[in-house]
Amino acid sequence: MSDRFDFLEFGDTKPRMPELPADGVAPSSSDTGWKPLRLRALEEIGEMGTRAGQFSSPTGLTVDRDGTLYVVDSNNHRVQRVTQNDQATVFGGAGSAPGQLWGPQAVAVDPTGRFLFVAEQGNHRVQCFDIRTGQTRGAMGGFRSPSGLTFDAEGMLWIADTGNGRLLRLNPAKGQFVGGMDRAAGIGRPIAVSADHAHNIYITDGGTNDVTCFSYAGVRGPALGETRRISGPRQTAVDTQGRIYVTESEANRLHVFDAAGQSLITFDTPSTRLGSFRAPSGIALGPNGAIYVADTSNHRIIRLTWE
């Protein structure tokens, strides 16, 4: 098995939302003229099962530039690609051989849209698939229970090497590490990582139970927990307005912060019919304002939008 990725080729800031009070509740429109921020469920995707389009404890999520959703179907040891017309394609399957997965936790699509990267906790590796053929293109080992992946604004892949207490930055085109950070930067147990368009990364740290902003060079910024307690944070995502979305698995909710780290809203019940979140973990932002949440213990994906 290859120990390097040597197969890849990589040939509007919007106005900020008005800040809300620390309790995350918008003032009434009669007081300010602002319409309160609200999220609304648009769609439930999947149900518990083993067939294509069904899930068992979905975790990591990502959306490519065309709006196609990728779901880490963790307990089924696979990743599913779900198109906007609900066609599902399966990558992987239980095992440790090339092309198989064991305990996958995170997924990322490279900027060209050609390759799919999967972090496998059980096999302690990151594996790459060709999206067009579904075949594996190689794997990189040397990790301990990696659980987070994201591409940054420069096309570099960040890997949360959870068991080793470090974050690594990889140039996939060359199969070389070009940076990273560890406990010396104040990281304990990174379990997820996301990136924004302003060259920042957001690390979910299972050791501190918090989400902290860092520069690519490892300069530490503010932590979200400094302004509002978060409980069991998992995956994060940042939109073009700088809003930071955090799934809180222990609080069974989605928490949204503004670019300054102030709490905007919390959201725990998609609808009366769909019921409440149960240990949500994955979060991904798609085109046209789509927000996807992996509702892990309900074995489904919920698509939301801002009202």
C-alpha atoms as a PDB file:
ATOM      1  CA  MET A   1       0.000   0.000   0.000  1.00  0.00           C
ATOM      2  CA  SER A   2       1.371   3.385  -0.915  1.00  0.00           C
ATOM      3  CA  ASP A   3       2.447   5.648   1.916  1.00  0.00           C
ATOM      4  CA  ARG A   4       2.014   8.818  -0.103  1.00  0.00           C
ATOM      5  CA  PHE A   5      -0.492  10.425  -2.389  1.00  0.00           C
ATOM      6  CA  ASP A   6       1.389  10.819  -5.667  1.00  0.00           C
ATOM      7  CA  PHE A   7      -1.488  10.680  -8.085  1.00  0.00           C
ATOM      8  CA  LEU A   8      -3.209  14.055  -7.920  1.00  0.00           C
ATOM      9  CA  GLU A   9      -2.884  16.976 -10.271  1.00  0.00           C
ATOM     10  CA  PHE A  10      -4.128  20.397  -9.423  1.00  0.00           C
ATOM     11  CA  GLY A  11      -3.340  21.886 -12.629  1.00  0.00           C
ATOM     12  CA  ASP A  12     -17.357  38.462  -2.264  1.00  0.00           C
ATOM     13  CA  THR A  13     -17.491  38.980   0.922  1.00  0.00           C
ATOM     14  CA  LYS A  14     -21.100  39.761   1.874  1.00  0.00           C
ATOM     15  CA  PRO A  15     -22.094  42.304   4.529  1.00  0.00           C
ATOM     16  CA  ARG A  16     -22.001  40.891   8.050  1.00  0.00           C
ATOM     17  CA  MET A  17     -25.224  39.990   9.718  1.00  0.00           C
ATOM     18  CA  PRO A  18     -26.246  42.350  12.526  1.00  0.00           C
ATOM     19  CA  GLU A  19     -24.935  41.199  15.886  1.00  0.00           C
ATOM     20  CA  LEU A  20     -27.481  39.784  18.299  1.00  0.00           C
ATOM     21  CA  PRO A  21     -27.540  39.746  22.082  1.00  0.00           C
ATOM     22  CA  ALA A  22     -25.381  37.152  23.853  1.00  0.00           C
ATOM     23  CA  ASP A  23     -28.351  34.906  24.518  1.00  0.00           C
ATOM     24  CA  GLY A  24     -28.740  34.293  20.797  1.00  0.00           C
ATOM     25  CA  VAL A  25     -32.291  35.599  20.590  1.00  0.00           C
ATOM     26  CA  ALA A  26     -33.032  38.168  17.938  1.00  0.00           C
ATOM     27  CA  PRO A  27     -34.805  41.366  19.005  1.00  0.00           C
ATOM     28  CA  SER A  28     -38.371  41.675  17.861  1.00  0.00           C
ATOM     29  CA  SER A  29     -38.977  43.337  14.510  1.00  0.00           C
ATOM     30  CA  SER A  30     -41.127  45.947  16.192  1.00  0.00           C
ATOM     31  CA  ASP A  31     -38.087  47.067  18.224  1.00  0.00           C
ATOM     32  CA  THR A  32     -35.426  47.121  15.512  1.00  0.00           C
ATOM     33  CA  GLY A  33     -36.894  46.454  12.094  1.00  0.00           C
ATOM     34  CA  TRP A  34     -34.730  43.331  11.745  1.00  0.00           C
ATOM     35  CA  LYS A  35     -36.400  40.045  10.936  1.00  0.00           C
ATOM     36  CA  PRO A  36     -35.387  37.356  13.462  1.00  0.00           C
ATOM     37  CA  LEU A  37     -33.009  34.700  12.148  1.00  0.00           C
ATOM     38  CA  ARG A  38     -34.700  31.353  11.706  1.00  0.00           C
ATOM     39  CA  LEU A  39     -33.786  27.989  10.211  1.00  0.00           C
ATOM     40  CA  ARG A  40     -36.302  25.775   8.466  1.00  0.00           C
ATOM     41  CA  ALA A  41     -36.115  22.103   7.476  1.00  0.00           C
ATOM     42  CA  LEU A  42     -36.583  21.462   3.766  1.00  0.00           C
ATOM     43  CA  GLU A  43     -35.886  17.775   3.403  1.00  0.00           C
ATOM     44  CA  GLU A  44     -35.157  14.529   5.218  1.00  0.00           C
ATOM     45  CA  ILE A  45     -32.637  12.350   3.385  1.00  0.00           C
ATOM     46  CA  GLY A  46     -32.349   8.643   4.144  1.00  0.00           C
ATOM     47  CA  GLU A  47     -33.375   6.342   6.954  1.00  0.00           C
ATOM     48  CA  MET A  48     -31.775   3.547   8.936  1.00  0.00           C
ATOM     49  CA  GLY A  49     -30.666   0.602   6.806  1.00  0.00           C
ATOM     50  CA  THR A  50     -27.969  -0.952   4.654  1.00  0.00           C
ATOM     51  CA  ARG A  51     -29.245  -0.323   1.133  1.00  0.00           C
ATOM     52  CA  ALA A  52     -27.969   2.510  -1.025  1.00  0.00           C
ATOM     53  CA  GLY A  53     -29.575   5.714   0.220  1.00  0.00           C
ATOM     54  CA  GLN A  54     -29.954   4.350   3.744  1.00  0.00           C
ATOM     55  CA  PHE A  55     -27.582   5.054   6.644  1.00  0.00           C
ATOM     56  CA  SER A  56     -26.366   3.710   9.950  1.00  0.00           C
ATOM     57  CA  SER A  57     -24.935   6.446  12.191  1.00  0.00           C
ATOM     58  CA  PRO A  58     -23.894   8.946   9.488  1.00  0.00           C
ATOM     59  CA  THR A  59     -21.067  11.212  10.651  1.00  0.00           C
ATOM     60  CA  GLY A  60     -18.928  13.386   8.380  1.00  0.00           C
ATOM     61  CA  LEU A  61     -20.428  15.347   5.487  1.00  0.00           C
ATOM     62  CA  THR A  62     -19.191  17.413   2.588  1.00  0.00           C
ATOM     63  CA  VAL A  63     -20.748  18.980  -0.513  1.00  0.00           C
ATOM     64  CA  ASP A  64     -18.879  19.466  -3.784  1.00  0.00           C
ATOM     65  CA  ARG A  65     -19.026  22.521  -6.018  1.00  0.00           C
ATOM     66  CA  ASP A  66     -21.906  20.991  -8.013  1.00  0.00           C
ATOM     67  CA  GLY A  67     -24.048  20.499  -4.927  1.00  0.00           C
ATOM     68  CA  THR A  68     -23.557  16.740  -4.646  1.00  0.00           C
ATOM     69  CA  LEU A  69     -23.636  15.481  -1.061  1.00  0.00           C
ATOM     70  CA  TYR A  70     -21.130  12.973   0.370  1.00  0.00           C
ATOM     71  CA  VAL A  71     -22.082  11.141   3.564  1.00  0.00           C
ATOM     72  CA  VAL A  72     -19.839   9.052   5.810  1.00  0.00           C
ATOM     73  CA  ASP A  73     -22.112   6.091   6.524  1.00  0.00           C
ATOM     74  CA  SER A  74     -20.019   5.135   9.511  1.00  0.00           C
ATOM     75  CA  ASN A  75     -21.525   1.924  10.874  1.00  0.00           C
ATOM     76  CA  ASN A  76     -21.968   0.580   7.338  1.00  0.00           C
ATOM     77  CA  HIS A  77     -18.243   1.297   6.745  1.00  0.00           C
ATOM     78  CA  ARG A  78     -18.782   3.220   3.546  1.00  0.00           C
ATOM     79  CA  VAL A  79     -19.286   6.645   2.011  1.00  0.00           C
ATOM     80  CA  GLN A  80     -22.350   7.474  -0.059  1.00  0.00           C
ATOM     81  CA  ARG A  81     -22.517  10.033  -2.821  1.00  0.00           C
ATOM     82  CA  VAL A  82     -26.043  11.465  -3.076  1.00  0.00           C
ATOM     83  CA  THR A  83     -26.904  13.622  -6.079  1.00  0.00           C
ATOM     84  CA  GLN A  84     -29.555  16.322  -6.076  1.00  0.00           C
ATOM     85  CA  ASN A  85     -31.979  13.925  -7.764  1.00  0.00           C
ATOM     86  CA  ASP A  86     -31.425  11.413  -4.910  1.00  0.00           C
ATOM     87  CA  GLN A  87     -29.243   8.945  -6.812  1.00  0.00           C
ATOM     88  CA  ALA A  88     -26.883   7.208  -4.369  1.00  0.00           C
ATOM     89  CA  THR A  89     -23.458   5.725  -5.175  1.00  0.00           C
ATOM     90  CA  VAL A  90     -21.487   3.704  -2.619  1.00  0.00           C
ATOM     91  CA  PHE A  91     -17.729   3.911  -2.016  1.00  0.00           C
ATOM     92  CA  GLY A  92     -16.013   1.304   0.114  1.00  0.00           C
ATOM     93  CA  GLY A  93     -17.423  -1.454   2.273  1.00  0.00           C
ATOM     94  CA  ALA A  94     -16.301  -3.165   5.480  1.00  0.00           C
ATOM     95  CA  GLY A  95     -12.668  -4.266   5.530  1.00  0.00           C
ATOM     96  CA  SER A  96      -9.042  -3.222   5.494  1.00  0.00           C
ATOM     97  CA  ALA A  97      -8.028  -4.035   1.927  1.00  0.00           C
ATOM     98  CA  PRO A  98      -7.528  -1.266  -0.659  1.00  0.00           C
ATOM     99  CA  GLY A  99     -10.936   0.169  -1.534  1.00  0.00           C
ATOM    100  CA  GLN A 100     -12.492  -1.010   1.730  1.00  0.00           C
ATOM    101  CA  LEU A 101     -13.206   1.106   4.813  1.00  0.00           C
ATOM    102  CA  TRP A 102     -13.360   0.532   8.537  1.00  0.00           C
ATOM    103  CA  GLY A 103     -14.718   3.114  10.938  1.00  0.00           C
ATOM    104  CA  PRO A 104     -14.757   6.055   8.509  1.00  0.00           C
ATOM    105  CA  GLN A 105     -15.394   9.409  10.167  1.00  0.00           C
ATOM    106  CA  ALA A 106     -14.699  12.251   7.732  1.00  0.00           C
ATOM    107  CA  VAL A 107     -14.777  12.956   4.017  1.00  0.00           C
ATOM    108  CA  ALA A 108     -13.459  15.698   1.734  1.00  0.00           C
ATOM    109  CA  VAL A 109     -13.583  16.316  -2.026  1.00  0.00           C
ATOM    110  CA  ASP A 110     -10.571  17.959  -3.659  1.00  0.00           C
ATOM    111  CA  PRO A 111     -11.034  21.340  -5.391  1.00  0.00           C
ATOM    112  CA  THR A 112     -11.126  19.756  -8.857  1.00  0.00           C
ATOM    113  CA  GLY A 113     -14.054  17.549  -7.880  1.00  0.00           C
ATOM    114  CA  ARG A 114     -12.207  14.443  -9.088  1.00  0.00           C
ATOM    115  CA  PHE A 115     -11.073  12.779  -5.863  1.00  0.00           C
ATOM    116  CA  LEU A 116     -12.701  11.738  -2.612  1.00  0.00           C
ATOM    117  CA  PHE A 117     -10.646  11.492   0.599  1.00  0.00           C
ATOM    118  CA  VAL A 118     -11.847   9.437   3.565  1.00  0.00           C
ATOM    119  CA  ALA A 119     -10.395   9.358   7.096  1.00  0.00           C
ATOM    120  CA  GLU A 120     -10.660   5.856   8.582  1.00  0.00           C
ATOM    121  CA  GLN A 121     -10.345   5.550  12.337  1.00  0.00           C
ATOM    122  CA  GLY A 122     -10.355   1.763  12.290  1.00  0.00           C
ATOM    123  CA  ASN A 123      -7.643   1.399   9.636  1.00  0.00           C
ATOM    124  CA  HIS A 124      -5.649   4.432  10.859  1.00  0.00           C
ATOM    125  CA  ARG A 125      -5.296   5.846   7.361  1.00  0.00           C
ATOM    126  CA  VAL A 126      -6.619   8.334   4.823  1.00  0.00           C
ATOM    127  CA  GLN A 127      -7.745   6.721   1.596  1.00  0.00           C
ATOM    128  CA  CYS A 128      -8.469   8.350  -1.754  1.00  0.00           C
ATOM    129  CA  PHE A 129     -11.066   7.308  -4.343  1.00  0.00           C
ATOM    130  CA  ASP A 130     -11.549   8.361  -7.946  1.00  0.00           C
ATOM    131  CA  ILE A 131     -15.091   9.743  -7.944  1.00  0.00           C
ATOM    132  CA  ARG A 132     -15.684   8.861 -11.593  1.00  0.00           C
ATOM    133  CA  THR A 133     -14.711   5.202 -11.335  1.00  0.00           C
ATOM    134  CA  GLY A 134     -15.265   4.506  -7.637  1.00  0.00           C
ATOM    135  CA  GLN A 135     -11.851   2.860  -7.465  1.00  0.00           C
ATOM    136  CA  THR A 136      -9.252   3.581  -4.804  1.00  0.00           C
ATOM    137  CA  ARG A 137      -6.229   5.575  -5.945  1.00  0.00           C
ATOM    138  CA  GLY A 138      -4.050   5.035  -2.888  1.00  0.00           C
ATOM    139  CA  ALA A 139      -3.831   5.498   0.852  1.00  0.00           C
ATOM    140  CA  MET A 140      -1.594   7.112   3.431  1.00  0.00           C
ATOM    141  CA  GLY A 141      -0.926   5.513   6.799  1.00  0.00           C
ATOM    142  CA  GLY A 142       0.994   6.514   9.893  1.00  0.00           C
ATOM    143  CA  PHE A 143      -2.004   8.073  11.642  1.00  0.00           C
ATOM    144  CA  ARG A 144      -3.812   7.091  14.829  1.00  0.00           C
ATOM    145  CA  SER A 145      -7.596   7.243  14.539  1.00  0.00           C
ATOM    146  CA  PRO A 146      -7.808  10.181  12.104  1.00  0.00           C
ATOM    147  CA  SER A 147     -11.247  11.741  12.320  1.00  0.00           C
ATOM    148  CA  GLY A 148     -11.274  15.081  10.478  1.00  0.00           C
ATOM    149  CA  LEU A 149     -10.570  16.304   6.931  1.00  0.00           C
ATOM    150  CA  THR A 150     -10.959  19.546   5.020  1.00  0.00           C
ATOM    151  CA  PHE A 151      -9.477  21.391   2.061  1.00  0.00           C
ATOM    152  CA  ASP A 152      -8.387  24.966   2.669  1.00  0.00           C
ATOM    153  CA  ALA A 153      -8.505  28.019   0.409  1.00  0.00           C
ATOM    154  CA  GLU A 154      -5.137  27.098  -1.099  1.00  0.00           C
ATOM    155  CA  GLY A 155      -6.140  23.546  -2.013  1.00  0.00           C
ATOM    156  CA  MET A 156      -4.211  21.882   0.803  1.00  0.00           C
ATOM    157  CA  LEU A 157      -5.713  18.980   2.756  1.00  0.00           C
ATOM    158  CA  TRP A 158      -5.857  19.221   6.555  1.00  0.00           C
ATOM    159  CA  ILE A 159      -5.978  15.959   8.499  1.00  0.00           C
ATOM    160  CA  ALA A 160      -7.011  15.732  12.160  1.00  0.00           C
ATOM    161  CA  ASP A 161      -4.698  12.975  13.415  1.00  0.00           C
ATOM    162  CA  THR A 162      -6.725  12.525  16.555  1.00  0.00           C
ATOM    163  CA  GLY A 163      -4.823   9.810  18.386  1.00  0.00           C
ATOM    164  CA  ASN A 164      -1.496  11.563  17.851  1.00  0.00           C
ATOM    165  CA  GLY A 165      -2.864  14.917  19.043  1.00  0.00           C
ATOM    166  CA  ARG A 166      -1.894  16.843  15.942  1.00  0.00           C
ATOM    167  CA  LEU A 167      -3.182  18.462  12.780  1.00  0.00           C
ATOM    168  CA  LEU A 168      -1.302  17.935   9.507  1.00  0.00           C
ATOM    169  CA  ARG A 169      -1.412  19.982   6.305  1.00  0.00           C
ATOM    170  CA  LEU A 170      -0.795  17.964   3.129  1.00  0.00           C
ATOM    171  CA  ASN A 171      -0.115  18.948  -0.468  1.00  0.00           C
ATOM    172  CA  PRO A 172      -1.917  16.089  -2.247  1.00  0.00           C
ATOM    173  CA  ALA A 173      -0.382  16.907  -5.617  1.00  0.00           C
ATOM    174  CA  LYS A 174       3.069  16.109  -4.260  1.00  0.00           C
ATOM    175  CA  GLY A 175       2.233  13.772  -1.407  1.00  0.00           C
ATOM    176  CA  GLN A 176       4.163  16.025   0.964  1.00  0.00           C
ATOM    177  CA  PHE A 177       3.309  17.601   4.291  1.00  0.00           C
ATOM    178  CA  VAL A 178       3.612  21.375   4.160  1.00  0.00           C
ATOM    179  CA  GLY A 179       2.681  22.306   7.706  1.00  0.00           C
ATOM    180  CA  GLY A 180       0.648  21.451  10.728  1.00  0.00           C
ATOM    181  CA  MET A 181       0.391  21.992  14.453  1.00  0.00           C
ATOM    182  CA  ASP A 182       0.335  19.952  17.634  1.00  0.00           C
ATOM    183  CA  ARG A 183       0.203  20.318  21.402  1.00  0.00           C
ATOM    184  CA  ALA A 184       2.781  23.096  21.277  1.00  0.00           C
ATOM    185  CA  ALA A 185       0.141  25.226  19.515  1.00  0.00           C
ATOM    186  CA  GLY A 186      -2.407  24.444  22.198  1.00  0.00           C
ATOM    187  CA  ILE A 187      -4.140  21.489  20.523  1.00  0.00           C
ATOM    188  CA  GLY A 188      -5.176  18.544  22.659  1.00  0.00           C
ATOM    189  CA  ARG A 189      -7.318  16.041  20.760  1.00  0.00           C
ATOM    190  CA  PRO A 190      -8.456  17.371  17.371  1.00  0.00           C
ATOM    191  CA  ILE A 191     -11.553  15.561  16.169  1.00  0.00           C
ATOM    192  CA  ALA A 192     -12.687  17.777  13.277  1.00  0.00           C
ATOM    193  CA  VAL A 193     -11.427  20.644  11.153  1.00  0.00           C
ATOM    194  CA  SER A 194     -12.981  23.101   8.714  1.00  0.00           C
ATOM    195  CA  ALA A 195     -11.704  26.067   6.701  1.00  0.00           C
ATOM    196  CA  ASP A 196     -13.094  29.436   5.644  1.00  0.00           C
ATOM    197  CA  HIS A 197     -12.352  31.682   2.659  1.00  0.00           C
ATOM    198  CA  ALA A 198     -10.202  34.036   4.750  1.00  0.00           C
ATOM    199  CA  HIS A 199      -7.372  31.534   5.297  1.00  0.00           C
ATOM    200  CA  ASN A 200      -8.449  30.399   8.750  1.00  0.00           C
ATOM    201  CA  ILE A 201      -9.112  26.931  10.045  1.00  0.00           C
ATOM    202  CA  TYR A 202     -11.450  25.915  12.866  1.00  0.00           C
ATOM    203  CA  ILE A 203     -10.395  22.987  15.028  1.00  0.00           C
ATOM    204  CA  THR A 204     -12.832  21.034  17.159  1.00  0.00           C
ATOM    205  CA  ASP A 205     -10.835  19.832  20.162  1.00  0.00           C
ATOM    206  CA  GLY A 206     -12.207  16.904  22.104  1.00  0.00           C
ATOM    207  CA  GLY A 207      -9.759  17.648  24.904  1.00  0.00           C
ATOM    208  CA  THR A 208     -11.049  21.153  25.594  1.00  0.00           C
ATOM    209  CA  ASN A 209     -14.595  20.529  24.354  1.00  0.00           C
ATOM    210  CA  ASP A 210     -14.318  23.695  22.277  1.00  0.00           C
ATOM    211  CA  VAL A 211     -13.790  25.065  18.755  1.00  0.00           C
ATOM    212  CA  THR A 212     -10.807  27.358  18.163  1.00  0.00           C
ATOM    213  CA  CYS A 213      -9.753  29.435  15.169  1.00  0.00           C
ATOM    214  CA  PHE A 214      -6.147  29.207  13.926  1.00  0.00           C
ATOM    215  CA  SER A 215      -4.139  30.647  11.069  1.00  0.00           C
ATOM    216  CA  TYR A 216      -2.452  28.218   8.690  1.00  0.00           C
ATOM    217  CA  ALA A 217       0.825  28.949  10.495  1.00  0.00           C
ATOM    218  CA  GLY A 218      -0.656  27.888  13.833  1.00  0.00           C
ATOM    219  CA  VAL A 219      -1.362  31.306  15.340  1.00  0.00           C
ATOM    220  CA  ARG A 220      -4.183  30.786  17.796  1.00  0.00           C
ATOM    221  CA  GLY A 221      -7.303  32.926  17.615  1.00  0.00           C
ATOM    222  CA  PRO A 222     -10.460  33.024  19.729  1.00  0.00           C
ATOM    223  CA  ALA A 223     -12.369  29.984  20.934  1.00  0.00           C
ATOM    224  CA  LEU A 224     -16.125  29.873  20.536  1.00  0.00           C
ATOM    225  CA  GLY A 225     -16.571  28.646  24.083  1.00  0.00           C
ATOM    226  CA  GLU A 226     -15.225  31.956  25.376  1.00  0.00           C
ATOM    227  CA  THR A 227     -18.574  33.615  24.631  1.00  0.00           C
ATOM    228  CA  ARG A 228     -21.095  30.782  24.863  1.00  0.00           C
ATOM    229  CA  ARG A 229     -20.720  27.282  26.271  1.00  0.00           C
ATOM    230  CA  ILE A 230     -20.863  24.500  23.704  1.00  0.00           C
ATOM    231  CA  SER A 231     -21.497  20.879  24.599  1.00  0.00           C
ATOM    232  CA  GLY A 232     -19.911  18.048  22.658  1.00  0.00           C
ATOM    233  CA  PRO A 233     -18.915  20.045  19.558  1.00  0.00           C
ATOM    234  CA  ARG A 234     -18.297  17.970  16.467  1.00  0.00           C
ATOM    235  CA  GLN A 235     -18.002  19.126  12.874  1.00  0.00           C
ATOM    236  CA  THR A 236     -18.017  22.803  11.866  1.00  0.00           C
ATOM    237  CA  ALA A 237     -18.562  24.804   8.680  1.00  0.00           C
ATOM    238  CA  VAL A 238     -18.184  28.488   7.795  1.00  0.00           C
ATOM    239  CA  ASP A 239     -20.326  30.298   5.221  1.00  0.00           C
ATOM    240  CA  THR A 240     -19.464  33.281   3.026  1.00  0.00           C
ATOM    241  CA  GLN A 241     -20.845  35.694   5.638  1.00  0.00           C
ATOM    242  CA  GLY A 242     -18.462  34.297   8.226  1.00  0.00           C
ATOM    243  CA  ARG A 243     -21.148  32.504  10.208  1.00  0.00           C
ATOM    244  CA  ILE A 244     -19.782  29.445  11.989  1.00  0.00           C
ATOM    245  CA  TYR A 245     -21.991  26.355  12.227  1.00  0.00           C
ATOM    246  CA  VAL A 246     -21.263  23.837  14.988  1.00  0.00           C
ATOM    247  CA  THR A 247     -23.006  20.547  15.626  1.00  0.00           C
ATOM    248  CA  GLU A 248     -23.290  19.846  19.351  1.00  0.00           C
ATOM    249  CA  SER A 249     -23.743  16.118  19.832  1.00  0.00           C
ATOM    250  CA  GLU A 250     -24.277  16.236  23.592  1.00  0.00           C
ATOM    251  CA  ALA A 251     -26.771  19.107  23.411  1.00  0.00           C
ATOM    252  CA  ASN A 252     -28.563  17.541  20.390  1.00  0.00           C
ATOM    253  CA  ARG A 253     -28.544  20.766  18.419  1.00  0.00           C
ATOM    254  CA  LEU A 254     -26.977  22.953  15.739  1.00  0.00           C
ATOM    255  CA  HIS A 255     -25.356  26.145  17.065  1.00  0.00           C
ATOM    256  CA  VAL A 256     -24.578  29.125  14.809  1.00  0.00           C
ATOM    257  CA  PHE A 257     -22.097  31.880  15.701  1.00  0.00           C
ATOM    258  CA  ASP A 258     -21.284  35.104  13.883  1.00  0.00           C
ATOM    259  CA  ALA A 259     -17.821  35.939  12.537  1.00  0.00           C
ATOM    260  CA  ALA A 260     -16.871  37.533  15.867  1.00  0.00           C
ATOM    261  CA  GLY A 261     -17.724  34.340  17.751  1.00  0.00           C
ATOM    262  CA  GLN A 262     -20.974  35.625  19.253  1.00  0.00           C
ATOM    263  CA  SER A 263     -23.850  33.168  19.478  1.00  0.00           C
ATOM    264  CA  LEU A 264     -26.593  33.818  16.913  1.00  0.00           C
ATOM    265  CA  ILE A 265     -29.042  30.949  17.341  1.00  0.00           C
ATOM    266  CA  THR A 266     -29.395  27.351  18.410  1.00  0.00           C
ATOM    267  CA  PHE A 267     -31.619  24.921  16.542  1.00  0.00           C
ATOM    268  CA  ASP A 268     -32.643  21.505  17.854  1.00  0.00           C
ATOM    269  CA  THR A 269     -35.967  20.529  16.255  1.00  0.00           C
ATOM    270  CA  PRO A 270     -36.234  20.429  12.451  1.00  0.00           C
ATOM    271  CA  SER A 271     -40.045  20.221  12.605  1.00  0.00           C
ATOM    272  CA  THR A 272     -42.900  18.702  14.572  1.00  0.00           C
ATOM    273  CA  ARG A 273     -43.103  15.834  12.088  1.00  0.00           C
ATOM    274  CA  LEU A 274     -39.353  15.182  11.946  1.00  0.00           C
ATOM    275  CA  GLY A 275     -38.824  15.549  15.681  1.00  0.00           C
ATOM    276  CA  SER A 276     -35.583  16.583  17.347  1.00  0.00           C
ATOM    277  CA  PHE A 277     -31.938  16.009  16.515  1.00  0.00           C
ATOM    278  CA  ARG A 278     -30.199  13.123  18.270  1.00  0.00           C
ATOM    279  CA  ALA A 279     -26.411  13.452  18.585  1.00  0.00           C
ATOM    280  CA  PRO A 280     -25.859  15.379  15.336  1.00  0.00           C
ATOM    281  CA  SER A 281     -22.258  15.280  14.121  1.00  0.00           C
ATOM    282  CA  GLY A 282     -21.718  16.254  10.478  1.00  0.00           C
ATOM    283  CA  ILE A 283     -22.392  19.659   8.933  1.00  0.00           C
ATOM    284  CA  ALA A 284     -21.878  20.821   5.345  1.00  0.00           C
ATOM    285  CA  LEU A 285     -22.901  23.873   3.342  1.00  0.00           C
ATOM    286  CA  GLY A 286     -24.056  23.585  -0.243  1.00  0.00           C
ATOM    287  CA  PRO A 287     -24.914  26.027  -2.996  1.00  0.00           C
ATOM    288  CA  ASN A 288     -28.061  28.133  -2.844  1.00  0.00           C
ATOM    289  CA  GLY A 289     -27.962  28.323   0.933  1.00  0.00           C
ATOM    290  CA  ALA A 290     -28.410  24.604   1.619  1.00  0.00           C
ATOM    291  CA  ILE A 291     -27.307  23.446   5.087  1.00  0.00           C
ATOM    292  CA  TYR A 292     -26.908  19.698   5.631  1.00  0.00           C
ATOM    293  CA  VAL A 293     -26.798  18.157   9.116  1.00  0.00           C
ATOM    294  CA  ALA A 294     -25.926  14.531   9.848  1.00  0.00           C
ATOM    295  CA  ASP A 295     -28.548  13.604  12.444  1.00  0.00           C
ATOM    296  CA  THR A 296     -26.416  10.683  13.561  1.00  0.00           C
ATOM    297  CA  SER A 297     -28.523   8.779  16.065  1.00  0.00           C
ATOM    298  CA  ASN A 298     -31.638   9.266  13.917  1.00  0.00           C
ATOM    299  CA  HIS A 299     -29.705   7.754  10.949  1.00  0.00           C
ATOM    300  CA  ARG A 300     -30.626  10.495   8.509  1.00  0.00           C
ATOM    301  CA  ILE A 301     -29.538  13.778   6.932  1.00  0.00           C
ATOM    302  CA  ILE A 302     -31.596  16.943   7.346  1.00  0.00           C
ATOM    303  CA  ARG A 303     -31.394  19.752   4.774  1.00  0.00           C
ATOM    304  CA  LEU A 304     -32.051  23.205   6.217  1.00  0.00           C
ATOM    305  CA  THR A 305     -32.211  26.758   4.934  1.00  0.00           C
ATOM    306  CA  TRP A 306     -32.390  30.239   6.405  1.00  0.00           C
ATOM    307  CA  GLU A 307     -35.841  31.802   6.292  1.00  0.00           C
END
